[in-house]
Every structure is written in C-alpha cells, then in structure tokens.
Amino acid sequence: MKKIFCIILLCLDVLTFLVLCILSQFIIKVDAVTGVTTDGFGRILSNTPWILRMAGMHEWPGVKWFIVDSICGWLLIGIAYILFMTIEGDREK
C-alpha cells in the first residue's frame, strides 16, 4: 500500500513540475491592445539583464519570481527523489 501511494505521489509530483515549467517558461501571451507580454501565470514579463540574455533567456518576470520558481522547482525535484528512493527501498526488501 505504501509503495502504491508513493508511486501516485511521484506521478503527481512530476506532472506538477511539468505543468509549472510549461506555464512559466513556454507559454507567452502578448495583449494585442496594450502590448503587455505575460507568461502562463499572468505575470508581466520584462527584458532580461544582459548576462541572462547571453544564456538564451529573452523575457522574464523578475528576480523575485525567478527565485520563487527556482525554489519550487528544486523542492519538487527533492520530493520526487525522496519518493523514488522510498519506492526503490521497498523493492529491495
């Protein structure tokens, strides 16, 4: 039962990570009337600093949202790792 629960949580974790990545990085909308550019969460995007433009990022929501996105992403990766190790640990027994 614990293994099935961990597998379900792992699948939900991976799906959440993918949805958050797609909404924050790949969906960009430009309002035809105002010309404001937003991402999938509705955050207003602006031009990136030159150092990030060299890395391939052209528009971003700002430092605060970059930090929030990074923390959420790494937490979801950590949770997925813990769940995966729990599943693997149960398999060895």
Protein backbone atom coordinates (compact mmCIF):
# COMPACT_ATOMS: atom_id res chain seq x y z
CA MET A 1 0.00 0.00 0.00
CA LYS A 2 2.84 2.37 0.85
CA LYS A 3 4.50 1.65 -2.50
CA ILE A 4 1.32 2.42 -4.47
CA PHE A 5 0.80 5.62 -2.51
CA CYS A 6 4.39 6.70 -3.21
CA ILE A 7 4.04 5.91 -6.92
CA ILE A 8 0.86 8.02 -7.12
CA LEU A 9 2.55 10.90 -5.29
CA LEU A 10 5.59 10.61 -7.55
CA CYS A 11 3.41 10.81 -10.67
CA LEU A 12 1.56 13.83 -9.28
CA ASP A 13 4.87 15.48 -8.38
CA VAL A 14 6.29 15.00 -11.87
CA LEU A 15 3.07 16.25 -13.50
CA THR A 16 3.06 19.33 -11.24
CA PHE A 17 6.68 20.04 -12.14
CA LEU A 18 5.95 19.75 -15.86
CA VAL A 19 2.85 21.97 -15.69
CA LEU A 20 4.71 24.64 -13.70
CA CYS A 21 7.62 24.56 -16.14
CA ILE A 22 5.37 24.85 -19.18
CA LEU A 23 3.30 27.69 -17.70
CA SER A 24 6.30 29.68 -16.53
CA GLN A 25 8.68 29.13 -19.45
CA PHE A 26 6.89 28.19 -22.65
CA ILE A 27 3.54 29.99 -22.64
CA ILE A 28 3.93 33.65 -23.53
CA LYS A 29 0.96 35.85 -24.37
CA VAL A 30 1.05 39.35 -25.84
CA ASP A 31 -2.01 41.52 -25.32
CA ALA A 32 -2.98 42.96 -28.71
CA VAL A 33 -4.40 46.17 -27.24
CA THR A 34 -1.80 47.12 -24.62
CA GLY A 35 1.21 45.19 -25.96
CA VAL A 36 1.95 43.79 -22.48
CA THR A 37 3.72 40.43 -22.52
CA THR A 38 2.73 37.88 -19.85
CA ASP A 39 3.60 34.27 -19.08
CA GLY A 40 1.22 31.39 -18.37
CA PHE A 41 0.66 32.59 -14.79
CA GLY A 42 -0.25 36.10 -15.93
CA ARG A 43 2.97 37.66 -14.64
CA ILE A 44 4.15 40.67 -16.65
CA LEU A 45 7.44 39.91 -18.41
CA SER A 46 10.24 42.37 -18.99
CA ASN A 47 13.59 42.33 -20.77
CA THR A 48 16.27 40.30 -19.05
CA PRO A 49 19.63 41.60 -17.88
CA TRP A 50 22.40 41.19 -20.47
CA ILE A 51 24.04 38.27 -18.62
CA LEU A 52 20.83 36.20 -18.85
CA ARG A 53 20.30 37.17 -22.48
CA MET A 54 23.67 35.53 -23.19
CA ALA A 55 22.24 32.32 -21.65
CA GLY A 56 19.25 32.40 -24.01
CA MET A 57 16.58 33.99 -21.81
CA HIS A 58 14.94 36.96 -23.50
CA GLU A 59 11.99 37.79 -21.24
CA TRP A 60 11.43 37.08 -17.56
CA PRO A 61 9.12 38.13 -14.71
CA GLY A 62 11.92 39.46 -12.49
CA VAL A 63 14.32 38.36 -9.75
CA LYS A 64 11.62 37.68 -7.14
CA TRP A 65 9.70 35.30 -9.40
CA PHE A 66 12.95 33.71 -10.63
CA ILE A 67 13.80 32.85 -7.01
CA VAL A 68 10.26 31.56 -6.29
CA ASP A 69 10.29 29.42 -9.47
CA SER A 70 13.74 28.05 -8.60
CA ILE A 71 12.74 27.14 -5.04
CA CYS A 72 9.52 25.44 -6.20
CA GLY A 73 11.38 23.52 -8.91
CA TRP A 74 14.12 22.26 -6.62
CA LEU A 75 11.62 21.33 -3.90
CA LEU A 76 9.61 19.27 -6.39
CA ILE A 77 12.80 17.58 -7.61
CA GLY A 78 13.76 16.80 -4.00
CA ILE A 79 10.33 15.37 -3.22
CA ALA A 80 10.49 13.23 -6.36
CA TYR A 81 13.93 11.94 -5.32
CA ILE A 82 12.72 11.05 -1.81
CA LEU A 83 9.65 9.27 -3.20
CA PHE A 84 11.74 7.40 -5.77
CA MET A 85 14.22 6.27 -3.11
CA THR A 86 11.32 5.13 -0.92
CA ILE A 87 9.94 3.04 -3.80
CA GLU A 88 13.39 1.59 -4.54
CA GLY A 89 13.95 0.84 -0.85
CA ASP A 90 10.69 -1.09 -0.71
CA ARG A 91 11.68 -3.05 -3.82
CA GLU A 92 14.92 -4.27 -2.20
CA LYS A 93 13.09 -5.77 0.78
